[in-house]
Amino acid sequence: MTDKASQVAVTLLGKSHQFSCSEGQEQALVDAVTLLNERVDEMKRRDTVRTDQNALLMAALHLCHEYQALLHEQQSAQQSSQQLVARLSAHLKDK
């Protein structure tokens, strides 16, 4: 099975860019660019961010931080689920 690539044109920081992505993932790429553009605009509205590059870096850092927090939440939920399954299994064995 071969992965076909699609070319997607997007605008980031007001400039047009061409990216390759796996076929069927075009909308996901467009959605990611939209989110990044929104975050960059948010960073630009702050008084402390003066350049596009700094806004892009700050947006990327914020997104990475949110991603790490979600991973941590997922790991905690998975551990809780595993503990619950273990307790339920132990309870059922006792019966």
PDB file of N, CA and C in Angstrom:
ATOM      1  N   MET A   1       0.844  -1.176   0.000  1.00  0.00           N
ATOM      2  CA  MET A   1       0.000   0.000   0.000  1.00  0.00           C
ATOM      3  C   MET A   1       0.889   1.239   0.000  1.00  0.00           C
ATOM      4  N   THR A   2       0.678   2.107  -0.930  1.00  0.00           N
ATOM      5  CA  THR A   2       1.480   3.327  -1.009  1.00  0.00           C
ATOM      6  C   THR A   2       0.678   4.502  -0.475  1.00  0.00           C
ATOM      7  N   ASP A   3       1.381   5.382   0.187  1.00  0.00           N
ATOM      8  CA  ASP A   3       0.749   6.601   0.675  1.00  0.00           C
ATOM      9  C   ASP A   3       0.843   7.656  -0.411  1.00  0.00           C
ATOM     10  N   LYS A   4      -0.294   8.098  -0.892  1.00  0.00           N
ATOM     11  CA  LYS A   4      -0.307   9.168  -1.882  1.00  0.00           C
ATOM     12  C   LYS A   4      -0.257  10.499  -1.153  1.00  0.00           C
ATOM     13  N   ALA A   5       0.445  11.434  -1.741  1.00  0.00           N
ATOM     14  CA  ALA A   5       0.567  12.762  -1.139  1.00  0.00           C
ATOM     15  C   ALA A   5      -0.241  13.767  -1.933  1.00  0.00           C
ATOM     16  N   SER A   6      -0.804  14.702  -1.223  1.00  0.00           N
ATOM     17  CA  SER A   6      -1.546  15.804  -1.823  1.00  0.00           C
ATOM     18  C   SER A   6      -0.809  17.093  -1.518  1.00  0.00           C
ATOM     19  N   GLN A   7      -0.918  18.045  -2.411  1.00  0.00           N
ATOM     20  CA  GLN A   7      -0.365  19.376  -2.188  1.00  0.00           C
ATOM     21  C   GLN A   7      -1.500  20.282  -1.730  1.00  0.00           C
ATOM     22  N   VAL A   8      -1.256  21.013  -0.654  1.00  0.00           N
ATOM     23  CA  VAL A   8      -2.268  21.907  -0.112  1.00  0.00           C
ATOM     24  C   VAL A   8      -1.658  23.300   0.004  1.00  0.00           C
ATOM     25  N   ALA A   9      -2.364  24.274  -0.537  1.00  0.00           N
ATOM     26  CA  ALA A   9      -1.928  25.670  -0.435  1.00  0.00           C
ATOM     27  C   ALA A   9      -2.639  26.301   0.757  1.00  0.00           C
ATOM     28  N   VAL A  10      -1.857  26.917   1.628  1.00  0.00           N
ATOM     29  CA  VAL A  10      -2.413  27.584   2.805  1.00  0.00           C
ATOM     30  C   VAL A  10      -1.732  28.933   2.970  1.00  0.00           C
ATOM     31  N   THR A  11      -2.349  29.769   3.789  1.00  0.00           N
ATOM     32  CA  THR A  11      -1.761  31.061   4.101  1.00  0.00           C
ATOM     33  C   THR A  11      -1.408  31.079   5.583  1.00  0.00           C
ATOM     34  N   LEU A  12      -0.155  31.370   5.857  1.00  0.00           N
ATOM     35  CA  LEU A  12       0.338  31.442   7.225  1.00  0.00           C
ATOM     36  C   LEU A  12       1.146  32.721   7.355  1.00  0.00           C
ATOM     37  N   LEU A  13       0.814  33.511   8.351  1.00  0.00           N
ATOM     38  CA  LEU A  13       1.465  34.810   8.552  1.00  0.00           C
ATOM     39  C   LEU A  13       1.339  35.694   7.314  1.00  0.00           C
ATOM     40  N   GLY A  14       0.190  35.567   6.642  1.00  0.00           N
ATOM     41  CA  GLY A  14      -0.075  36.401   5.485  1.00  0.00           C
ATOM     42  C   GLY A  14       0.656  35.986   4.223  1.00  0.00           C
ATOM     43  N   LYS A  15       1.364  34.873   4.256  1.00  0.00           N
ATOM     44  CA  LYS A  15       2.113  34.410   3.093  1.00  0.00           C
ATOM     45  C   LYS A  15       1.585  33.044   2.662  1.00  0.00           C
ATOM     46  N   SER A  16       1.547  32.833   1.367  1.00  0.00           N
ATOM     47  CA  SER A  16       1.071  31.575   0.827  1.00  0.00           C
ATOM     48  C   SER A  16       2.172  30.522   0.902  1.00  0.00           C
ATOM     49  N   HIS A  17       1.797  29.320   1.320  1.00  0.00           N
ATOM     50  CA  HIS A  17       2.733  28.200   1.429  1.00  0.00           C
ATOM     51  C   HIS A  17       2.094  26.965   0.818  1.00  0.00           C
ATOM     52  N   GLN A  18       2.901  26.101   0.287  1.00  0.00           N
ATOM     53  CA  GLN A  18       2.473  24.838  -0.293  1.00  0.00           C
ATOM     54  C   GLN A  18       3.024  23.725   0.590  1.00  0.00           C
ATOM     55  N   PHE A  19       2.160  22.850   1.092  1.00  0.00           N
ATOM     56  CA  PHE A  19       2.591  21.740   1.927  1.00  0.00           C
ATOM     57  C   PHE A  19       2.091  20.427   1.340  1.00  0.00           C
ATOM     58  N   SER A  20       2.854  19.387   1.552  1.00  0.00           N
ATOM     59  CA  SER A  20       2.419  18.043   1.194  1.00  0.00           C
ATOM     60  C   SER A  20       1.815  17.392   2.428  1.00  0.00           C
ATOM     61  N   CYS A  21       0.784  16.593   2.185  1.00  0.00           N
ATOM     62  CA  CYS A  21       0.216  15.818   3.277  1.00  0.00           C
ATOM     63  C   CYS A  21      -0.361  14.534   2.698  1.00  0.00           C
ATOM     64  N   SER A  22      -0.620  13.582   3.549  1.00  0.00           N
ATOM     65  CA  SER A  22      -1.200  12.319   3.105  1.00  0.00           C
ATOM     66  C   SER A  22      -2.576  12.567   2.516  1.00  0.00           C
ATOM     67  N   GLU A  23      -2.875  11.811   1.484  1.00  0.00           N
ATOM     68  CA  GLU A  23      -4.186  11.935   0.854  1.00  0.00           C
ATOM     69  C   GLU A  23      -5.273  11.684   1.898  1.00  0.00           C
ATOM     70  N   GLY A  24      -6.286  12.535   1.904  1.00  0.00           N
ATOM     71  CA  GLY A  24      -7.357  12.425   2.879  1.00  0.00           C
ATOM     72  C   GLY A  24      -7.133  13.261   4.124  1.00  0.00           C
ATOM     73  N   GLN A  25      -5.945  13.841   4.264  1.00  0.00           N
ATOM     74  CA  GLN A  25      -5.616  14.651   5.435  1.00  0.00           C
ATOM     75  C   GLN A  25      -5.578  16.144   5.120  1.00  0.00           C
ATOM     76  N   GLU A  26      -6.056  16.506   3.944  1.00  0.00           N
ATOM     77  CA  GLU A  26      -5.997  17.899   3.522  1.00  0.00           C
ATOM     78  C   GLU A  26      -6.753  18.818   4.477  1.00  0.00           C
ATOM     79  N   GLN A  27      -7.952  18.440   4.855  1.00  0.00           N
ATOM     80  CA  GLN A  27      -8.752  19.293   5.736  1.00  0.00           C
ATOM     81  C   GLN A  27      -8.113  19.417   7.117  1.00  0.00           C
ATOM     82  N   ALA A  28      -7.505  18.340   7.582  1.00  0.00           N
ATOM     83  CA  ALA A  28      -6.817  18.394   8.878  1.00  0.00           C
ATOM     84  C   ALA A  28      -5.667  19.399   8.827  1.00  0.00           C
ATOM     85  N   LEU A  29      -4.950  19.440   7.706  1.00  0.00           N
ATOM     86  CA  LEU A  29      -3.868  20.410   7.548  1.00  0.00           C
ATOM     87  C   LEU A  29      -4.414  21.828   7.522  1.00  0.00           C
ATOM     88  N   VAL A  30      -5.477  22.035   6.773  1.00  0.00           N
ATOM     89  CA  VAL A  30      -6.104  23.361   6.705  1.00  0.00           C
ATOM     90  C   VAL A  30      -6.587  23.784   8.093  1.00  0.00           C
ATOM     91  N   ASP A  31      -7.193  22.864   8.832  1.00  0.00           N
ATOM     92  CA  ASP A  31      -7.666  23.161  10.186  1.00  0.00           C
ATOM     93  C   ASP A  31      -6.504  23.516  11.114  1.00  0.00           C
ATOM     94  N   ALA A  32      -5.391  22.803  10.975  1.00  0.00           N
ATOM     95  CA  ALA A  32      -4.213  23.090  11.801  1.00  0.00           C
ATOM     96  C   ALA A  32      -3.658  24.480  11.496  1.00  0.00           C
ATOM     97  N   VAL A  33      -3.610  24.826  10.229  1.00  0.00           N
ATOM     98  CA  VAL A  33      -3.124  26.154   9.837  1.00  0.00           C
ATOM     99  C   VAL A  33      -4.068  27.230  10.363  1.00  0.00           C
ATOM    100  N   THR A  34      -5.364  26.973  10.288  1.00  0.00           N
ATOM    101  CA  THR A  34      -6.341  27.940  10.810  1.00  0.00           C
ATOM    102  C   THR A  34      -6.127  28.160  12.303  1.00  0.00           C
ATOM    103  N   LEU A  35      -5.957  27.074  13.049  1.00  0.00           N
ATOM    104  CA  LEU A  35      -5.710  27.184  14.488  1.00  0.00           C
ATOM    105  C   LEU A  35      -4.427  27.948  14.760  1.00  0.00           C
ATOM    106  N   LEU A  36      -3.374  27.628  14.026  1.00  0.00           N
ATOM    107  CA  LEU A  36      -2.101  28.316  14.235  1.00  0.00           C
ATOM    108  C   LEU A  36      -2.230  29.801  13.908  1.00  0.00           C
ATOM    109  N   ASN A  37      -2.903  30.125  12.803  1.00  0.00           N
ATOM    110  CA  ASN A  37      -3.115  31.540  12.465  1.00  0.00           C
ATOM    111  C   ASN A  37      -3.884  32.263  13.559  1.00  0.00           C
ATOM    112  N   GLU A  38      -4.906  31.614  14.120  1.00  0.00           N
ATOM    113  CA  GLU A  38      -5.681  32.225  15.206  1.00  0.00           C
ATOM    114  C   GLU A  38      -4.797  32.489  16.404  1.00  0.00           C
ATOM    115  N   ARG A  39      -3.957  31.523  16.742  1.00  0.00           N
ATOM    116  CA  ARG A  39      -3.070  31.692  17.896  1.00  0.00           C
ATOM    117  C   ARG A  39      -2.033  32.767  17.638  1.00  0.00           C
ATOM    118  N   VAL A  40      -1.502  32.829  16.426  1.00  0.00           N
ATOM    119  CA  VAL A  40      -0.528  33.870  16.091  1.00  0.00           C
ATOM    120  C   VAL A  40      -1.182  35.243  16.218  1.00  0.00           C
ATOM    121  N   ASP A  41      -2.391  35.377  15.698  1.00  0.00           N
ATOM    122  CA  ASP A  41      -3.109  36.653  15.819  1.00  0.00           C
ATOM    123  C   ASP A  41      -3.328  37.020  17.278  1.00  0.00           C
ATOM    124  N   GLU A  42      -3.655  36.027  18.087  1.00  0.00           N
ATOM    125  CA  GLU A  42      -3.841  36.253  19.528  1.00  0.00           C
ATOM    126  C   GLU A  42      -2.547  36.755  20.162  1.00  0.00           C
ATOM    127  N   MET A  43      -1.430  36.139  19.800  1.00  0.00           N
ATOM    128  CA  MET A  43      -0.140  36.560  20.351  1.00  0.00           C
ATOM    129  C   MET A  43       0.214  37.973  19.881  1.00  0.00           C
ATOM    130  N   LYS A  44      -0.120  38.317  18.632  1.00  0.00           N
ATOM    131  CA  LYS A  44       0.190  39.650  18.099  1.00  0.00           C
ATOM    132  C   LYS A  44      -0.573  40.737  18.833  1.00  0.00           C
ATOM    133  N   ARG A  45      -1.747  40.389  19.362  1.00  0.00           N
ATOM    134  CA  ARG A  45      -2.539  41.387  20.085  1.00  0.00           C
ATOM    135  C   ARG A  45      -1.935  41.714  21.451  1.00  0.00           C
ATOM    136  N   ARG A  46      -1.028  40.905  21.900  1.00  0.00           N
ATOM    137  CA  ARG A  46      -0.373  41.172  23.180  1.00  0.00           C
ATOM    138  C   ARG A  46       0.680  42.253  23.002  1.00  0.00           C
ATOM    139  N   ASP A  47       0.830  43.068  24.003  1.00  0.00           N
ATOM    140  CA  ASP A  47       1.803  44.165  23.931  1.00  0.00           C
ATOM    141  C   ASP A  47       3.241  43.679  23.868  1.00  0.00           C
ATOM    142  N   THR A  48       3.514  42.514  24.435  1.00  0.00           N
ATOM    143  CA  THR A  48       4.898  42.056  24.542  1.00  0.00           C
ATOM    144  C   THR A  48       5.411  41.392  23.271  1.00  0.00           C
ATOM    145  N   VAL A  49       4.526  41.024  22.347  1.00  0.00           N
ATOM    146  CA  VAL A  49       4.942  40.360  21.114  1.00  0.00           C
ATOM    147  C   VAL A  49       4.979  41.386  19.988  1.00  0.00           C
ATOM    148  N   ARG A  50       6.139  41.575  19.417  1.00  0.00           N
ATOM    149  CA  ARG A  50       6.309  42.644  18.451  1.00  0.00           C
ATOM    150  C   ARG A  50       6.501  42.167  17.001  1.00  0.00           C
ATOM    151  N   THR A  51       6.989  40.955  16.809  1.00  0.00           N
ATOM    152  CA  THR A  51       7.273  40.493  15.450  1.00  0.00           C
ATOM    153  C   THR A  51       6.458  39.242  15.126  1.00  0.00           C
ATOM    154  N   ASP A  52       6.300  38.998  13.824  1.00  0.00           N
ATOM    155  CA  ASP A  52       5.603  37.784  13.380  1.00  0.00           C
ATOM    156  C   ASP A  52       6.303  36.532  13.897  1.00  0.00           C
ATOM    157  N   GLN A  53       7.625  36.551  13.851  1.00  0.00           N
ATOM    158  CA  GLN A  53       8.388  35.388  14.288  1.00  0.00           C
ATOM    159  C   GLN A  53       8.155  35.111  15.775  1.00  0.00           C
ATOM    160  N   ASN A  54       8.182  36.147  16.596  1.00  0.00           N
ATOM    161  CA  ASN A  54       7.927  35.959  18.023  1.00  0.00           C
ATOM    162  C   ASN A  54       6.500  35.487  18.268  1.00  0.00           C
ATOM    163  N   ALA A  55       5.550  36.029  17.510  1.00  0.00           N
ATOM    164  CA  ALA A  55       4.162  35.606  17.649  1.00  0.00           C
ATOM    165  C   ALA A  55       4.018  34.140  17.276  1.00  0.00           C
ATOM    166  N   LEU A  56       4.700  33.722  16.216  1.00  0.00           N
ATOM    167  CA  LEU A  56       4.647  32.329  15.788  1.00  0.00           C
ATOM    168  C   LEU A  56       5.266  31.415  16.843  1.00  0.00           C
ATOM    169  N   LEU A  57       6.403  31.822  17.383  1.00  0.00           N
ATOM    170  CA  LEU A  57       7.051  31.023  18.432  1.00  0.00           C
ATOM    171  C   LEU A  57       6.183  30.919  19.683  1.00  0.00           C
ATOM    172  N   MET A  58       5.599  32.027  20.093  1.00  0.00           N
ATOM    173  CA  MET A  58       4.733  32.016  21.270  1.00  0.00           C
ATOM    174  C   MET A  58       3.505  31.135  21.031  1.00  0.00           C
ATOM    175  N   ALA A  59       2.917  31.229  19.842  1.00  0.00           N
ATOM    176  CA  ALA A  59       1.755  30.410  19.514  1.00  0.00           C
ATOM    177  C   ALA A  59       2.132  28.929  19.553  1.00  0.00           C
ATOM    178  N   ALA A  60       3.279  28.600  18.982  1.00  0.00           N
ATOM    179  CA  ALA A  60       3.740  27.215  18.977  1.00  0.00           C
ATOM    180  C   ALA A  60       3.980  26.718  20.402  1.00  0.00           C
ATOM    181  N   LEU A  61       4.574  27.546  21.233  1.00  0.00           N
ATOM    182  CA  LEU A  61       4.809  27.158  22.627  1.00  0.00           C
ATOM    183  C   LEU A  61       3.496  26.940  23.375  1.00  0.00           C
ATOM    184  N   HIS A  62       2.537  27.822  23.160  1.00  0.00           N
ATOM    185  CA  HIS A  62       1.237  27.664  23.813  1.00  0.00           C
ATOM    186  C   HIS A  62       0.554  26.375  23.360  1.00  0.00           C
ATOM    187  N   LEU A  63       0.598  26.096  22.066  1.00  0.00           N
ATOM    188  CA  LEU A  63      -0.014  24.868  21.557  1.00  0.00           C
ATOM    189  C   LEU A  63       0.682  23.623  22.108  1.00  0.00           C
ATOM    190  N   CYS A  64       2.009  23.668  22.189  1.00  0.00           N
ATOM    191  CA  CYS A  64       2.746  22.532  22.766  1.00  0.00           C
ATOM    192  C   CYS A  64       2.401  22.341  24.233  1.00  0.00           C
ATOM    193  N   HIS A  65       2.277  23.427  24.960  1.00  0.00           N
ATOM    194  CA  HIS A  65       1.904  23.345  26.369  1.00  0.00           C
ATOM    195  C   HIS A  65       0.521  22.712  26.522  1.00  0.00           C
ATOM    196  N   GLU A  66      -0.433  23.148  25.698  1.00  0.00           N
ATOM    197  CA  GLU A  66      -1.782  22.572  25.754  1.00  0.00           C
ATOM    198  C   GLU A  66      -1.752  21.091  25.389  1.00  0.00           C
ATOM    199  N   TYR A  67      -0.944  20.736  24.401  1.00  0.00           N
ATOM    200  CA  TYR A  67      -0.814  19.340  23.987  1.00  0.00           C
ATOM    201  C   TYR A  67      -0.263  18.493  25.138  1.00  0.00           C
ATOM    202  N   GLN A  68       0.774  18.986  25.804  1.00  0.00           N
ATOM    203  CA  GLN A  68       1.354  18.262  26.927  1.00  0.00           C
ATOM    204  C   GLN A  68       0.338  18.095  28.058  1.00  0.00           C
ATOM    205  N   ALA A  69      -0.449  19.127  28.322  1.00  0.00           N
ATOM    206  CA  ALA A  69      -1.469  19.037  29.366  1.00  0.00           C
ATOM    207  C   ALA A  69      -2.513  17.986  28.998  1.00  0.00           C
ATOM    208  N   LEU A  70      -2.911  17.948  27.735  1.00  0.00           N
ATOM    209  CA  LEU A  70      -3.878  16.936  27.290  1.00  0.00           C
ATOM    210  C   LEU A  70      -3.297  15.530  27.401  1.00  0.00           C
ATOM    211  N   LEU A  71      -2.024  15.370  27.056  1.00  0.00           N
ATOM    212  CA  LEU A  71      -1.381  14.065  27.208  1.00  0.00           C
ATOM    213  C   LEU A  71      -1.371  13.627  28.660  1.00  0.00           C
ATOM    214  N   HIS A  72      -1.061  14.559  29.549  1.00  0.00           N
ATOM    215  CA  HIS A  72      -1.044  14.251  30.979  1.00  0.00           C
ATOM    216  C   HIS A  72      -2.437  13.836  31.455  1.00  0.00           C
ATOM    217  N   GLU A  73      -3.458  14.569  31.018  1.00  0.00           N
ATOM    218  CA  GLU A  73      -4.835  14.220  31.382  1.00  0.00           C
ATOM    219  C   GLU A  73      -5.201  12.840  30.854  1.00  0.00           C
ATOM    220  N   GLN A  74      -4.789  12.541  29.638  1.00  0.00           N
ATOM    221  CA  GLN A  74      -5.087  11.243  29.040  1.00  0.00           C
ATOM    222  C   GLN A  74      -4.395  10.124  29.820  1.00  0.00           C
ATOM    223  N   GLN A  75      -3.141  10.340  30.187  1.00  0.00           N
ATOM    224  CA  GLN A  75      -2.412   9.335  30.952  1.00  0.00           C
ATOM    225  C   GLN A  75      -3.056   9.112  32.314  1.00  0.00           C
ATOM    226  N   SER A  76      -3.480  10.187  32.960  1.00  0.00           N
ATOM    227  CA  SER A  76      -4.149  10.062  34.259  1.00  0.00           C
ATOM    228  C   SER A  76      -5.459   9.309  34.122  1.00  0.00           C
ATOM    229  N   ALA A  77      -6.229   9.620  33.084  1.00  0.00           N
ATOM    230  CA  ALA A  77      -7.497   8.927  32.853  1.00  0.00           C
ATOM    231  C   ALA A  77      -7.260   7.458  32.559  1.00  0.00           C
ATOM    232  N   GLN A  78      -6.214   7.163  31.799  1.00  0.00           N
ATOM    233  CA  GLN A  78      -5.897   5.770  31.484  1.00  0.00           C
ATOM    234  C   GLN A  78      -5.499   5.007  32.747  1.00  0.00           C
ATOM    235  N   GLN A  79      -4.696   5.629  33.598  1.00  0.00           N
ATOM    236  CA  GLN A  79      -4.308   4.988  34.854  1.00  0.00           C
ATOM    237  C   GLN A  79      -5.527   4.747  35.741  1.00  0.00           C
ATOM    238  N   SER A  80      -6.416   5.723  35.811  1.00  0.00           N
ATOM    239  CA  SER A  80      -7.638   5.562  36.610  1.00  0.00           C
ATOM    240  C   SER A  80      -8.488   4.435  36.065  1.00  0.00           C
ATOM    241  N   SER A  81      -8.593   4.353  34.756  1.00  0.00           N
ATOM    242  CA  SER A  81      -9.376   3.276  34.136  1.00  0.00           C
ATOM    243  C   SER A  81      -8.759   1.917  34.439  1.00  0.00           C
ATOM    244  N   GLN A  82      -7.451   1.829  34.335  1.00  0.00           N
ATOM    245  CA  GLN A  82      -6.776   0.568  34.625  1.00  0.00           C
ATOM    246  C   GLN A  82      -6.962   0.156  36.081  1.00  0.00           C
ATOM    247  N   GLN A  83      -6.899   1.124  36.980  1.00  0.00           N
ATOM    248  CA  GLN A  83      -7.114   0.823  38.396  1.00  0.00           C
ATOM    249  C   GLN A  83      -8.540   0.362  38.642  1.00  0.00           C
ATOM    250  N   LEU A  84      -9.494   1.004  37.999  1.00  0.00           N
ATOM    251  CA  LEU A  84     -10.892   0.618  38.142  1.00  0.00           C
ATOM    252  C   LEU A  84     -11.130  -0.783  37.609  1.00  0.00           C
ATOM    253  N   VAL A  85     -10.559  -1.098  36.454  1.00  0.00           N
ATOM    254  CA  VAL A  85     -10.698  -2.435  35.887  1.00  0.00           C
ATOM    255  C   VAL A  85     -10.086  -3.466  36.817  1.00  0.00           C
ATOM    256  N   ALA A  86      -8.944  -3.156  37.386  1.00  0.00           N
ATOM    257  CA  ALA A  86      -8.288  -4.090  38.317  1.00  0.00           C
ATOM    258  C   ALA A  86      -9.147  -4.311  39.555  1.00  0.00           C
ATOM    259  N   ARG A  87      -9.724  -3.228  40.076  1.00  0.00           N
ATOM    260  CA  ARG A  87     -10.586  -3.365  41.253  1.00  0.00           C
ATOM    261  C   ARG A  87     -11.837  -4.165  40.932  1.00  0.00           C
ATOM    262  N   LEU A  88     -12.435  -3.899  39.779  1.00  0.00           N
ATOM    263  CA  LEU A  88     -13.628  -4.645  39.376  1.00  0.00           C
ATOM    264  C   LEU A  88     -13.315  -6.123  39.159  1.00  0.00           C
ATOM    265  N   SER A  89     -12.167  -6.400  38.536  1.00  0.00           N
ATOM    266  CA  SER A  89     -11.760  -7.781  38.311  1.00  0.00           C
ATOM    267  C   SER A  89     -11.548  -8.513  39.644  1.00  0.00           C
ATOM    268  N   ALA A  90     -10.898  -7.818  40.562  1.00  0.00           N
ATOM    269  CA  ALA A  90     -10.663  -8.420  41.886  1.00  0.00           C
ATOM    270  C   ALA A  90     -11.979  -8.675  42.598  1.00  0.00           C
ATOM    271  N   HIS A  91     -12.880  -7.731  42.483  1.00  0.00           N
ATOM    272  CA  HIS A  91     -14.210  -7.876  43.121  1.00  0.00           C
ATOM    273  C   HIS A  91     -14.970  -9.045  42.515  1.00  0.00           C
ATOM    274  N   LEU A  92     -14.933  -9.180  41.202  1.00  0.00           N
ATOM    275  CA  LEU A  92     -15.649 -10.269  40.538  1.00  0.00           C
ATOM    276  C   LEU A  92     -15.024 -11.627  40.873  1.00  0.00           C
ATOM    277  N   LYS A  93     -13.715 -11.681  41.043  1.00  0.00           N
ATOM    278  CA  LYS A  93     -13.052 -12.939  41.416  1.00  0.00           C
ATOM    279  C   LYS A  93     -13.441 -13.357  42.819  1.00  0.00           C
ATOM    280  N   ASP A  94     -13.691 -12.392  43.694  1.00  0.00           N
ATOM    281  CA  ASP A  94     -14.057 -12.682  45.077  1.00  0.00           C
ATOM    282  C   ASP A  94     -15.472 -13.251  45.182  1.00  0.00           C
ATOM    283  N   LYS A  95     -16.281 -13.050  44.203  1.00  0.00           N
ATOM    284  CA  LYS A  95     -17.690 -13.480  44.271  1.00  0.00           C
ATOM    285  C   LYS A  95     -17.861 -14.891  43.833  1.00  0.00           C
TER     286      LYS A  95
END
